Protein backbone atom coordinates (compact mmCIF):
# COMPACT_ATOMS: atom_id res chain seq x y z
CA MET A 1 69.47 153.06 69.40
CA ALA A 2 71.94 151.88 72.03
CA THR A 3 74.77 149.81 70.61
CA LYS A 4 75.26 147.85 73.83
CA SER A 5 71.92 146.10 73.21
CA LEU A 6 73.53 144.24 70.33
CA LYS A 7 76.48 142.78 72.28
CA PRO A 8 76.73 138.94 72.14
CA LYS A 9 75.13 136.95 74.91
CA GLY A 10 75.94 133.45 76.13
CA GLY A 11 72.45 132.32 75.55
CA SER A 12 70.07 129.92 73.96
CA CYS A 13 69.06 128.58 70.51
CA CYS A 14 69.32 130.57 67.28
CA ALA A 15 65.86 131.74 66.12
CA VAL A 16 66.62 131.27 62.38
CA ALA A 17 64.35 128.48 61.16
CA THR A 18 67.09 126.38 59.51
CA CYS A 19 69.93 127.07 61.94
CA ILE A 20 70.83 124.29 64.40
CA ASN A 21 73.24 126.31 66.54
CA TYR A 22 72.69 126.57 70.31
CA ALA A 23 74.92 127.52 73.19
CA GLY A 24 75.49 123.96 74.46
CA LYS A 25 76.39 122.59 71.04
CA VAL A 26 78.73 125.47 70.21
CA LYS A 27 80.61 124.93 73.50
CA ARG A 28 80.73 121.19 73.05
CA ASP A 29 82.06 121.44 69.43
CA GLY A 30 84.63 124.04 70.37
CA LYS A 31 83.28 126.72 67.99
CA THR A 32 84.61 129.67 69.89
CA ASN A 33 84.05 132.00 66.92
CA ILE A 34 80.26 131.76 67.09
CA SER A 35 78.45 134.32 69.27
CA PHE A 36 74.71 134.88 70.06
CA TYR A 37 73.00 138.25 69.85
CA ARG A 38 69.72 139.60 71.21
CA PHE A 39 67.13 141.38 69.02
CA PRO A 40 67.54 145.11 68.53
CA LYS A 41 65.20 147.40 70.51
CA ASP A 42 64.01 149.24 67.40
CA PRO A 43 60.53 147.81 66.54
CA GLU A 44 60.98 148.37 62.79
CA LEU A 45 64.35 146.52 62.76
CA GLN A 46 62.76 143.65 64.85
CA LYS A 47 60.16 143.16 62.08
CA LYS A 48 62.81 143.03 59.40
CA TRP A 49 64.85 140.45 61.35
CA THR A 50 61.70 138.39 61.95
CA LEU A 51 60.95 138.20 58.27
CA LYS A 52 64.48 136.97 57.61
CA PHE A 53 63.98 134.09 60.03
CA ARG A 54 61.31 132.38 57.80
CA ARG A 55 59.58 131.06 60.97
CA GLY A 56 56.15 129.65 60.69
CA ASP A 57 55.32 130.40 64.33
CA SER A 58 55.48 133.51 66.47
CA ILE A 59 58.48 134.47 68.52
CA THR A 60 59.15 136.88 71.41
CA PRO A 61 62.00 139.21 70.41
CA SER A 62 62.99 140.00 74.04
CA LEU A 63 63.58 136.30 74.67
CA SER A 64 65.09 135.26 71.32
CA TYR A 65 68.63 135.10 69.96
CA MET A 66 70.40 134.83 66.62
CA CYS A 67 73.89 133.54 66.02
CA SER A 68 76.81 135.31 64.30
CA GLU A 69 76.79 132.95 61.36
CA HIS A 70 73.96 135.03 59.72
CA PHE A 71 75.89 138.37 59.68
CA SER A 72 78.42 139.37 57.10
CA ASP A 73 81.58 141.22 58.07
CA ASP A 74 80.02 144.51 57.02
CA ALA A 75 77.44 144.18 59.87
CA TYR A 76 80.12 144.53 62.59
CA ILE A 77 81.73 147.67 63.98
CA ARG A 78 85.47 147.74 63.18
CA ASP A 79 87.70 146.86 66.10
CA LEU A 80 90.75 149.07 65.41
CA LYS A 81 92.58 147.79 68.49
CA ALA A 82 92.30 144.17 67.36
CA GLU A 83 93.41 145.11 63.83
CA LEU A 84 96.49 147.00 65.07
CA LEU A 85 97.54 144.32 67.49
CA ALA A 86 96.71 141.53 65.09
CA TYR A 87 94.50 139.41 67.29
CA THR A 88 90.96 138.00 66.95
CA PRO A 89 88.56 139.47 69.56
CA LYS A 90 86.43 137.12 71.60
CA PHE A 91 83.26 138.92 70.39
CA ARG A 92 82.40 141.61 67.85
CA LYS A 93 79.79 144.35 68.24
CA LEU A 94 77.01 144.68 65.66
CA LYS A 95 76.23 148.03 63.99
CA PRO A 96 72.97 149.58 65.22
CA ASP A 97 71.34 148.89 61.80
CA ALA A 98 72.92 145.50 61.24
CA MET A 99 70.86 143.11 59.15
CA LEU A 100 70.91 139.31 58.74
CA THR A 101 72.12 138.59 55.19
CA ILE A 102 73.76 135.13 55.01
CA ASN A 103 72.90 131.48 55.80
CA LEU A 104 69.25 132.20 55.82
CA PRO A 105 66.29 129.97 54.72
CA VAL A 106 65.14 130.08 51.11
CA ASP A 107 61.91 131.82 50.11
CA HIS A 108 58.97 130.57 52.23
CA THR A 109 56.88 129.90 49.07
CA SER A 110 59.16 126.97 48.18
CA ILE A 111 59.45 125.44 51.63
CA PRO A 112 56.66 124.47 54.08
CA THR A 113 58.31 126.55 56.87
CA VAL A 114 56.04 125.44 59.65
CA MET A 115 56.89 121.78 58.99
CA TYR A 116 60.56 122.58 58.60
CA HIS A 117 60.52 124.51 61.82
CA GLN A 118 58.88 121.70 63.67
CA GLN A 119 61.27 119.08 62.29
CA HIS A 120 64.23 121.33 63.02
CA HIS A 121 63.22 121.78 66.67
CA LEU A 122 62.41 118.17 67.05
CA ALA A 123 66.00 117.40 65.95
CA LEU A 124 67.26 120.03 68.43
CA LYS A 125 65.20 118.36 71.21
CA VAL A 126 66.69 114.93 70.42
CA GLU A 127 70.16 116.34 70.43
CA TRP A 128 69.54 118.25 73.62
CA ASN A 129 68.17 115.10 75.38
CA GLN A 130 71.28 113.16 74.28
CA GLU A 131 73.53 115.87 75.65
CA LYS A 132 71.63 115.80 78.96
CA LYS A 133 72.10 112.02 79.05
CA ASN A 134 75.85 112.34 78.38
CA SER A 135 76.13 115.03 81.02
CA ARG A 136 74.30 112.77 83.56
CA LEU A 137 76.76 109.93 82.76
CA ASP A 138 79.69 112.27 83.19
CA ASN A 139 78.35 113.39 86.52
CA GLU A 140 77.92 109.76 87.62
CA LYS A 141 81.50 109.10 86.71
CA LYS A 142 82.61 112.08 88.85
CA LYS A 143 80.75 110.73 91.86
CA ARG A 144 83.01 109.41 94.64
CA VAL A 145 83.64 105.66 94.25
CA HIS A 146 83.41 103.65 97.48
CA TRP A 147 86.55 101.53 97.24
CA SER A 148 86.61 98.21 99.09
CA THR A 149 89.29 97.36 101.62
CA GLU A 150 90.81 94.86 99.13
CA ASP A 151 91.01 97.60 96.43
CA ILE A 152 92.70 99.99 98.87
CA SER A 153 95.16 97.27 99.91
CA LYS A 154 96.06 96.43 96.29
CA ALA A 155 96.50 100.12 95.55
CA PHE A 156 98.89 100.57 98.48
CA THR A 157 100.90 97.64 97.22
CA LEU A 158 101.32 99.37 93.77
CA ARG A 159 101.91 102.77 95.39
CA TYR A 160 104.68 101.16 97.51
CA PHE A 161 106.80 100.60 94.39
CA SER A 162 106.52 104.02 92.78
CA LYS A 163 104.31 107.11 92.82
CA ARG A 164 105.07 107.78 89.18
CA ALA A 165 104.19 104.22 88.18
CA TYR A 166 100.90 104.50 90.16
CA SER A 167 100.02 107.75 88.38
CA TYR A 168 100.85 106.31 84.99
CA VAL A 169 98.70 103.18 85.51
CA LYS A 170 95.79 105.30 86.77
CA ASP A 171 95.89 108.31 84.53
CA GLU A 172 97.48 107.07 81.28
CA LEU A 173 96.33 103.40 81.19
CA HIS A 174 92.96 104.37 82.84
CA TYR A 175 93.15 101.45 85.21
CA PRO A 176 90.51 101.96 87.99
CA LEU A 177 92.59 102.94 91.03
CA PRO A 178 91.88 105.22 94.06
CA GLY A 179 93.33 108.71 93.81
CA LEU A 180 96.27 109.61 95.99
CA SER A 181 93.98 111.73 98.16
CA SER A 182 91.86 108.55 98.72
CA LEU A 183 94.97 106.69 99.79
CA GLN A 184 95.79 109.47 102.26
CA ARG A 185 92.34 109.32 103.73
CA SER A 186 92.57 105.55 103.98
CA ALA A 187 96.04 105.73 105.62
CA LYS A 188 94.68 108.13 108.20
CA ASN A 189 91.82 105.74 109.05
CA ILE A 190 93.92 102.57 109.36
CA ASP A 191 93.37 101.34 112.89
CA MET A 192 96.63 101.40 114.76
CA ARG A 193 95.38 100.86 118.27
CA ASN A 194 96.36 97.96 120.57
CA GLY A 195 96.23 94.42 119.18
CA ILE A 196 96.77 92.66 115.86
CA ARG A 197 96.82 95.02 112.89
CA GLU A 198 93.88 93.58 110.88
CA ASP A 199 94.38 96.10 108.03
CA VAL A 200 98.01 94.90 107.75
CA ILE A 201 96.83 91.25 107.81
CA ARG A 202 94.52 91.94 104.91
CA MET A 203 97.37 93.56 102.88
CA MET A 204 99.59 90.49 103.73
CA LYS A 205 96.89 88.12 102.54
CA LEU A 206 96.57 89.90 99.18
CA ASN A 207 100.36 90.04 98.73
CA GLY A 208 100.64 86.39 99.83
CA ASP A 209 98.52 85.28 96.90
CA THR A 210 101.53 85.91 94.62
CA LEU A 211 104.07 84.10 96.87
CA GLN A 212 105.20 80.47 96.80
CA ASP A 213 104.67 78.37 99.95
CA TYR A 214 108.32 78.51 100.87
CA GLU A 215 108.29 82.30 100.58
CA LYS A 216 105.56 82.42 103.25
CA LEU A 217 107.66 80.58 105.84
CA THR A 218 107.58 83.08 108.68
CA VAL A 219 109.79 84.19 111.57
CA LEU A 220 108.14 86.05 114.40
CA MET A 221 110.22 88.53 116.41
CA PHE A 222 109.09 90.79 119.22
CA ASP A 223 110.53 93.41 121.57
CA GLU A 224 109.66 96.66 123.38
CA VAL A 225 110.59 100.17 122.44
CA LYS A 226 110.66 103.09 124.90
CA ILE A 227 108.21 105.94 124.33
CA SER A 228 107.62 109.17 126.15
CA SER A 229 105.11 109.03 129.01
CA THR A 230 102.55 111.42 127.48
CA MET A 231 98.77 111.75 127.62
CA GLU A 232 97.19 112.49 124.27
CA TYR A 233 93.73 112.91 122.85
CA ASP A 234 93.00 110.71 119.81
CA VAL A 235 90.58 112.81 117.74
CA LEU A 236 89.77 109.95 115.36
CA HIS A 237 88.55 107.59 118.08
CA ASP A 238 87.57 110.23 120.66
CA GLU A 239 89.65 108.83 123.44
CA VAL A 240 92.59 109.70 125.67
CA VAL A 241 95.67 107.63 125.13
CA GLY A 242 98.48 107.23 127.70
CA PRO A 243 100.59 107.76 129.57
CA HIS A 244 102.62 104.73 128.48
CA SER A 245 106.29 103.97 128.82
CA GLN A 246 106.84 100.99 126.47
CA MET A 247 105.37 99.81 123.18
CA GLN A 248 105.46 96.08 122.40
CA VAL A 249 105.90 95.38 118.69
CA VAL A 250 105.71 92.03 116.93
CA MET A 251 107.15 91.77 113.40
CA ALA A 252 106.64 88.98 110.94
CA ARG A 253 109.44 88.30 108.43
CA GLY A 254 110.03 85.89 105.60
CA ILE A 255 112.79 83.39 106.30
CA ALA A 256 113.32 82.70 102.50
CA SER A 257 112.12 86.04 101.05
CA GLN A 258 112.51 89.76 101.50
CA TRP A 259 109.17 90.82 103.03
CA LYS A 260 108.71 91.95 106.65
CA GLN A 261 105.81 93.61 108.38
CA PRO A 262 104.90 94.84 111.85
CA ILE A 263 101.65 93.06 112.73
CA TYR A 264 100.97 93.75 116.46
CA VAL A 265 101.22 96.70 118.82
CA GLY A 266 100.60 96.81 122.53
CA PHE A 267 101.32 99.57 125.05
CA ASP A 268 102.86 98.52 128.37
CA GLN A 269 101.99 94.93 127.29
CA LYS A 270 104.31 92.07 128.05
CA MET A 271 104.27 89.26 125.65
CA THR A 272 102.00 86.42 126.96
CA LYS A 273 101.33 82.95 125.77
CA SER A 274 97.72 83.79 124.73
CA ILE A 275 98.80 86.77 122.63
CA PHE A 276 101.52 84.78 121.05
CA PHE A 277 99.17 81.90 120.06
CA SER A 278 96.53 84.31 118.70
CA ILE A 279 99.15 86.00 116.42
CA ILE A 280 100.45 82.61 115.13
CA ASP A 281 96.86 81.45 114.54
CA ARG A 282 95.94 84.65 112.66
CA LEU A 283 98.96 84.35 110.36
CA ASP A 284 98.18 80.68 109.78
CA GLN A 285 94.61 81.65 108.67
CA ILE A 286 96.02 83.75 105.81
CA GLY A 287 98.52 81.13 104.74
CA PHE A 288 101.70 82.39 106.47
CA ASN A 289 103.38 79.50 108.17
CA VAL A 290 105.23 80.51 111.32
CA VAL A 291 108.23 78.16 111.84
CA CYS A 292 110.37 80.19 114.20
CA CYS A 293 110.15 82.78 116.92
CA VAL A 294 112.99 85.12 118.08
CA SER A 295 113.37 87.30 121.17
CA ASP A 296 116.15 88.65 123.33
CA CYS A 297 116.93 87.36 126.84
CA GLY A 298 115.03 89.95 128.83
CA GLY A 299 113.25 89.01 132.01
CA GLY A 300 109.74 89.12 130.54
CA ASN A 301 110.81 86.91 127.62
CA VAL A 302 112.37 84.35 129.97
CA VAL A 303 108.94 84.20 131.73
CA LEU A 304 107.41 83.49 128.30
CA TRP A 305 109.95 80.68 127.75
CA LYS A 306 108.74 79.08 130.96
CA ALA A 307 105.10 79.49 129.98
CA LEU A 308 105.77 77.83 126.61
CA ASP A 309 107.73 75.07 128.44
CA ILE A 310 110.85 75.39 126.35
CA THR A 311 114.41 74.81 127.51
CA TYR A 312 117.85 75.05 125.93
CA GLU A 313 117.71 71.28 125.50
CA ASN A 314 114.30 71.33 123.78
CA PRO A 315 113.60 74.76 122.19
CA ILE A 316 110.32 73.72 120.55
CA PHE A 317 106.83 74.51 121.70
CA SER A 318 103.42 73.41 120.40
CA THR A 319 100.39 75.57 119.71
CA PRO A 320 96.82 74.57 120.58
CA ASN A 321 96.53 73.31 116.95
CA GLU A 322 99.50 71.00 117.61
CA LYS A 323 101.82 73.02 115.38
CA GLU A 324 105.47 72.80 116.43
CA ILE A 325 107.57 76.01 116.31
CA VAL A 326 111.21 76.61 117.16
CA PHE A 327 112.19 79.35 119.60
CA ILE A 328 115.62 80.94 118.95
CA PRO A 329 117.13 83.65 121.14
CA ASP A 330 118.63 86.70 119.38
CA ALA A 331 122.28 86.16 118.53
CA PRO A 332 123.41 89.86 118.66
CA HIS A 333 121.89 90.15 122.11
CA ILE A 334 123.68 86.99 123.23
CA LEU A 335 126.95 88.46 121.85
CA LYS A 336 126.50 91.63 124.01
CA LEU A 337 125.89 89.49 127.10
CA ILE A 338 129.01 87.43 126.51
CA ARG A 339 131.02 90.62 126.22
CA ASN A 340 129.44 92.07 129.41
CA TRP A 341 130.08 88.97 131.51
CA LEU A 342 133.70 88.67 130.17
CA LEU A 343 134.38 92.28 131.30
CA ASP A 344 132.46 91.95 134.62
CA THR A 345 133.49 88.59 135.95
CA GLY A 346 135.52 86.57 133.43
CA PHE A 347 135.01 82.85 132.79
CA GLN A 348 136.48 79.52 133.89
CA ILE A 349 136.33 76.37 131.72
CA ASN A 350 137.73 73.46 133.77
CA GLU A 351 141.26 74.70 134.53
CA GLN A 352 141.26 77.48 131.92
CA LEU A 353 140.82 81.14 132.88
CA ILE A 354 139.41 83.75 130.48
CA ASN A 355 139.23 87.39 131.50
CA LYS A 356 139.85 91.01 130.30
CA LYS A 357 143.43 91.36 131.43
CA PRO A 358 144.96 90.50 128.13
CA LEU A 359 142.55 92.90 126.43
CA GLU A 360 143.44 95.71 128.77
CA SER A 361 147.16 95.22 128.12
CA LEU A 362 146.63 94.96 124.41
CA ILE A 363 144.84 98.25 124.18
CA LYS A 364 147.48 100.05 126.21
CA LYS A 365 150.24 98.54 124.08
CA THR A 366 148.66 99.23 120.70
CA LEU A 367 147.60 102.80 121.39
CA SER A 368 151.19 103.99 120.76
CA GLU A 369 151.95 101.76 117.75
CA ILE A 370 150.81 101.19 114.22
CA ASN A 371 148.75 97.99 114.64
CA ILE A 372 145.99 95.87 113.32
CA CYS A 373 143.69 96.68 116.24
CA TYR A 374 143.13 100.36 115.37
CA LYS A 375 139.42 99.99 116.01
CA LEU A 376 139.87 99.08 119.70
CA SER A 377 139.85 101.78 122.35
CA GLU A 378 139.18 102.24 126.03
CA GLU A 379 135.52 102.65 125.17
CA HIS A 380 135.38 98.91 124.35
CA LEU A 381 136.43 97.95 127.84
CA THR A 382 134.70 100.61 129.99
CA CYS A 383 131.45 100.09 128.07
CA GLU A 384 128.93 101.55 130.56
CA GLY A 385 125.33 102.68 130.25
CA PRO A 386 124.03 102.93 126.71
CA GLN A 387 127.33 101.69 125.32
CA ARG A 388 126.45 98.21 126.48
CA GLN A 389 123.54 98.16 124.05
CA LYS A 390 125.76 98.64 121.05
CA VAL A 391 126.37 95.44 119.13
CA LYS A 392 129.15 97.03 117.13
CA LEU A 393 131.41 97.49 120.18
CA ALA A 394 130.87 93.83 121.20
CA SER A 395 131.58 92.48 117.66
CA GLN A 396 134.77 94.60 117.44
CA LEU A 397 136.05 93.40 120.76
CA LEU A 398 135.21 89.75 120.23
CA SER A 399 136.67 89.61 116.73
CA HIS A 400 139.16 87.63 114.73
CA THR A 401 141.29 90.70 114.53
CA THR A 402 141.43 90.97 118.40
CA ALA A 403 142.25 87.25 118.75
CA THR A 404 145.09 87.55 116.20
CA ALA A 405 146.40 90.70 117.82
CA LEU A 406 146.64 88.97 121.24
CA LEU A 407 148.66 86.14 119.76
CA HIS A 408 150.86 88.48 117.73
CA TYR A 409 151.62 91.23 120.29
CA LYS A 410 151.57 88.92 123.44
CA PRO A 411 150.74 91.91 125.73
CA ILE A 412 151.02 89.76 128.94
CA ASP A 413 153.54 87.19 130.21
CA ASP A 414 150.86 84.65 131.26
CA THR A 415 150.91 82.49 128.14
CA ASN A 416 148.06 80.19 129.25
CA LEU A 417 145.71 83.12 130.00
CA LEU A 418 146.70 84.82 126.80
CA ASN A 419 146.19 81.80 124.53
CA ASP A 420 142.98 80.64 126.25
CA THR A 421 141.44 84.21 125.95
CA ALA A 422 142.52 84.54 122.29
CA ASN A 423 141.10 81.07 121.41
CA PHE A 424 137.86 81.85 123.24
CA ILE A 425 137.43 85.11 121.30
CA GLU A 426 138.14 83.37 118.00
CA LEU A 427 135.54 80.75 118.79
CA VAL A 428 132.91 83.35 119.69
CA ASN A 429 133.78 85.35 116.54
CA ASN A 430 133.25 82.27 114.30
CA TRP A 431 129.95 81.47 115.98
CA PHE A 432 128.67 85.01 115.49
CA ASP A 433 129.76 85.00 111.86
CA LEU A 434 127.74 81.83 111.26
CA SER A 435 124.77 83.22 113.22
CA ASN A 436 124.64 86.47 111.25
CA VAL A 437 124.98 85.44 107.59
CA SER A 438 123.16 87.78 105.18
CA HIS A 439 124.70 87.04 101.83
CA PRO A 440 124.28 83.65 100.07
CA ASN A 441 127.56 83.95 98.13
CA ASP A 442 129.98 84.80 100.94
CA HIS A 443 132.13 81.66 101.01
CA ARG A 444 135.39 83.09 102.50
CA THR A 445 135.09 80.57 105.31
CA PRO A 446 132.55 77.88 106.17
CA TYR A 447 131.36 80.21 108.95
CA THR A 448 130.53 83.20 106.69
CA ALA A 449 128.51 80.94 104.28
CA PRO A 450 124.76 80.26 104.74
CA TYR A 451 124.11 77.61 107.41
CA GLY A 452 123.66 74.28 105.63
CA LEU A 453 126.10 74.72 102.75
CA PHE A 454 129.16 73.43 104.65
CA LEU A 455 127.23 71.52 107.26
CA ASP A 456 129.97 69.30 108.64
CA ASP A 457 132.35 72.19 109.40
CA GLN A 458 129.45 74.37 110.62
CA ASP A 459 128.03 71.74 112.96
CA ALA A 460 131.50 70.98 114.28
CA LEU A 461 131.81 74.67 115.22
CA LEU A 462 128.35 74.72 116.81
CA ASP A 463 129.16 71.57 118.80
CA LYS A 464 132.43 73.09 120.08
CA MET A 465 130.64 76.30 121.08
CA TYR A 466 127.89 74.29 122.75
CA ASN A 467 130.29 72.16 124.83
CA THR A 468 132.39 75.23 125.80
CA PHE A 469 129.47 77.17 127.13
CA LEU A 470 127.92 74.13 128.78
CA LEU A 471 131.04 73.63 130.80
CA MET A 472 131.89 77.25 131.30
CA ARG A 473 131.12 79.10 134.51
CA CYS A 474 131.18 82.75 135.28
CA ASN A 475 133.65 83.55 138.05
CA GLY A 476 131.73 83.63 141.28
CA LYS A 477 128.73 81.79 139.91
CA TYR A 478 127.93 78.12 140.16
CA GLY A 479 125.21 77.44 137.61
CA LEU A 480 124.54 78.37 134.01
CA GLN A 481 123.49 81.93 133.54
CA ILE A 482 120.66 83.11 131.32
CA PHE A 483 122.93 84.14 128.45
CA GLN A 484 124.56 80.66 128.49
CA LYS A 485 121.19 78.93 128.38
CA ALA A 486 120.15 81.36 125.54
CA LEU A 487 123.20 80.42 123.48
CA LEU A 488 122.70 76.74 123.99
CA MET A 489 119.03 77.20 123.00
CA HIS A 490 120.16 79.16 119.97
CA ILE A 491 122.45 76.36 118.75
CA ASN A 492 119.90 73.61 119.24
CA GLY A 493 117.21 75.75 117.65
CA MET A 494 119.23 76.48 114.54
CA LYS A 495 119.85 72.77 113.98
CA LEU A 496 116.10 72.05 114.30
CA LEU A 497 115.16 74.96 112.07
CA LEU A 498 117.49 73.75 109.29
CA LYS A 499 115.66 70.38 109.32
CA ILE A 500 112.26 72.17 109.06
CA VAL A 501 113.24 74.45 106.13
CA ARG A 502 114.86 71.49 104.29
CA GLY A 503 111.51 69.77 104.59
CA HIS A 504 110.05 72.72 102.57
CA GLY A 505 112.68 72.34 99.80
CA LEU A 506 115.30 74.88 101.07
CA LYS A 507 119.01 73.98 101.19
CA TYR A 508 120.24 76.52 103.72
CA ILE A 509 119.36 79.42 106.13
CA LEU A 510 120.53 83.01 105.88
CA THR A 511 120.87 83.23 109.63
CA SER A 512 120.59 87.01 109.74
CA LYS A 513 116.81 86.44 109.11
CA VAL A 514 116.72 84.73 112.49
CA ASN A 515 117.78 87.66 114.60
CA GLN A 516 116.19 90.93 115.62
CA ASP A 517 118.15 93.33 113.37
CA ALA A 518 114.99 94.11 111.30
CA LEU A 519 113.05 94.93 114.45
CA GLU A 520 115.89 97.11 115.82
CA ASN A 521 116.05 98.97 112.52
CA LEU A 522 112.32 99.61 112.81
CA PHE A 523 112.73 101.02 116.37
CA SER A 524 115.51 103.25 115.06
CA GLN A 525 113.10 104.69 112.45
CA LEU A 526 110.45 105.19 115.09
CA ARG A 527 112.93 107.08 117.27
CA THR A 528 114.39 109.18 114.45
CA ARG A 529 112.88 112.56 113.52
CA GLY A 530 114.70 115.27 111.65
CA GLY A 531 117.99 113.51 112.06
CA LEU A 532 117.66 113.42 115.83
CA ASN A 533 116.81 110.51 118.17
CA ASP A 534 113.86 110.94 120.41
CA HIS A 535 111.28 108.86 122.26
CA PRO A 536 107.98 109.48 120.46
CA SER A 537 104.67 109.86 122.17
CA PRO A 538 102.28 106.90 121.91
CA LEU A 539 100.15 108.24 119.10
CA ASN A 540 103.18 109.79 117.29
CA ALA A 541 104.82 106.34 117.43
CA LEU A 542 101.74 104.85 115.83
CA TYR A 543 101.71 107.56 113.21
CA ARG A 544 105.38 106.81 112.28
CA LEU A 545 104.64 103.05 112.26
CA ARG A 546 101.74 103.62 109.94
CA MET A 547 104.02 105.43 107.49
CA ILE A 548 106.42 102.49 107.50
CA ILE A 549 103.64 99.90 107.07
CA LEU A 550 102.15 101.75 104.11
CA GLY A 551 105.21 101.50 101.97
CA LYS A 552 108.07 103.13 103.86
CA ASN A 553 107.26 106.48 102.17
CA PRO A 554 105.96 109.41 104.20
CA GLY A 555 104.50 110.91 101.07
CA VAL A 556 101.71 108.30 101.12
CA THR A 557 100.17 109.57 104.39
CA SER A 558 99.09 112.94 105.60
CA ASN A 559 101.65 115.18 107.18
CA ARG A 560 99.46 115.66 110.19
CA THR A 561 98.63 113.46 113.21
CA ASN A 562 95.18 113.38 114.66
CA THR A 563 96.39 114.10 118.16
CA THR A 564 96.25 116.87 120.71
CA ASN A 565 98.71 116.87 123.63
CA LEU A 566 97.13 117.13 127.08
CA ILE A 567 99.91 116.66 129.59
CA ILE A 568 103.57 116.00 128.96
CA THR A 569 104.67 114.17 132.09
CA LEU A 570 108.08 113.05 130.80
CA LEU A 571 110.08 114.20 127.76
């Protein structure tokens, strides 16, 4: 007789009348030491086994099994390898003449074996049906859940704070949350084409349910960022995108809280009155109250000012819903323009002259000495091309340190020009300090404190700045220039905005919230890749923007874009 016929099989139910072991139960209960064996091929041995089963019905030996719980240790062939290496084998081979000797039914004369057999298999059937039911429930649990947009938005909010926290809440606390792969798929499918970002609006609405009314007071800021003029194929939407040269982005930001979010994207799209009103109305629908708008003094934005019918004397416009909103030009951009006009033409205020001659002499004098103006260099005066876009150079040149150095070193003999230029720079420095406050506890001077805490001193400064620029003329020019009107609009707008926020229970304004630094930082992130600055393609810019929107963590989204480059017309 071949020994291999008695190897254990991963099979069915044990044929012994009183045994309740079957393959599914053994696996479920973790009884790894129980094996199942087929009948031997020897007909005489088959008859002896059958008698041991005490079955009241007939069985087919070729289709039947018995489990290892009915064989004593003497029935197995010794496994010398397992004994020498001191391990338990996964299965043991039976001897050719092995016989069932243990855990068998009692004598059939004392038990109605047919009835027992029927009851036994009825119990097995009930248990088997229950196991099938449990298996079906497990399979239903494993089916993909169709998460709603609200569920996905809430999940992204939690994922924003921490990946480990998200996994803990989902896996350890068993809170129903989408898997990270589901978030990746959802992130890929977020619609980032032209227009208002409705997926972002939904996330804002959900987050806004936990905010107080004053925390939902909103500042809108908008500007354009340069992108590479590239044609690309959008696989997801089956369309060709580009070429485009500019991407208009609108960001909403809390004036009294830390949140900020890009909510609109438009390629080669100038901001218009209708777009502006639609964005404000959409935010109002989800409970975010727009009280202020910010932009630079670019030509397209000046056109918008005219469309909104705002002036430096009255920087308030009304929406179709008769909602009044303050428009405030960007202070850092105004500072750069003041610096540019000072270097290019100089100013005249009544009989006073203000120009760059004292600054040129100061830099030449201090280059060879230990001085308090170590940050100033020729670069601050030449300031050509991209250097004119750097706020840092403008703020260093028009600073308290520079004004003090002019009065201390007296680099020129013209005392009137020297003093007037130094006083002008000091005035501009104080105004910019007040217009760029980011810390509520910085009380070094009234001008570094939040606007509204030292209101008498702060308004006195704003009034002096207002009158100076209203009377000031650029040399060679007769009327007020755009940057002057923007500054006057900024001062009037800040005073009106303070009245509005005080009506909502706030005491002061952190004025850095009312400039475009947050938007410029966003543009810097869009342009930065691998530590280098570049101008991304249209779809690549949207991909990077999506990463920022979904929690400022590239790990949330897929590493791939769904684009294929067709023609690169400009790198």
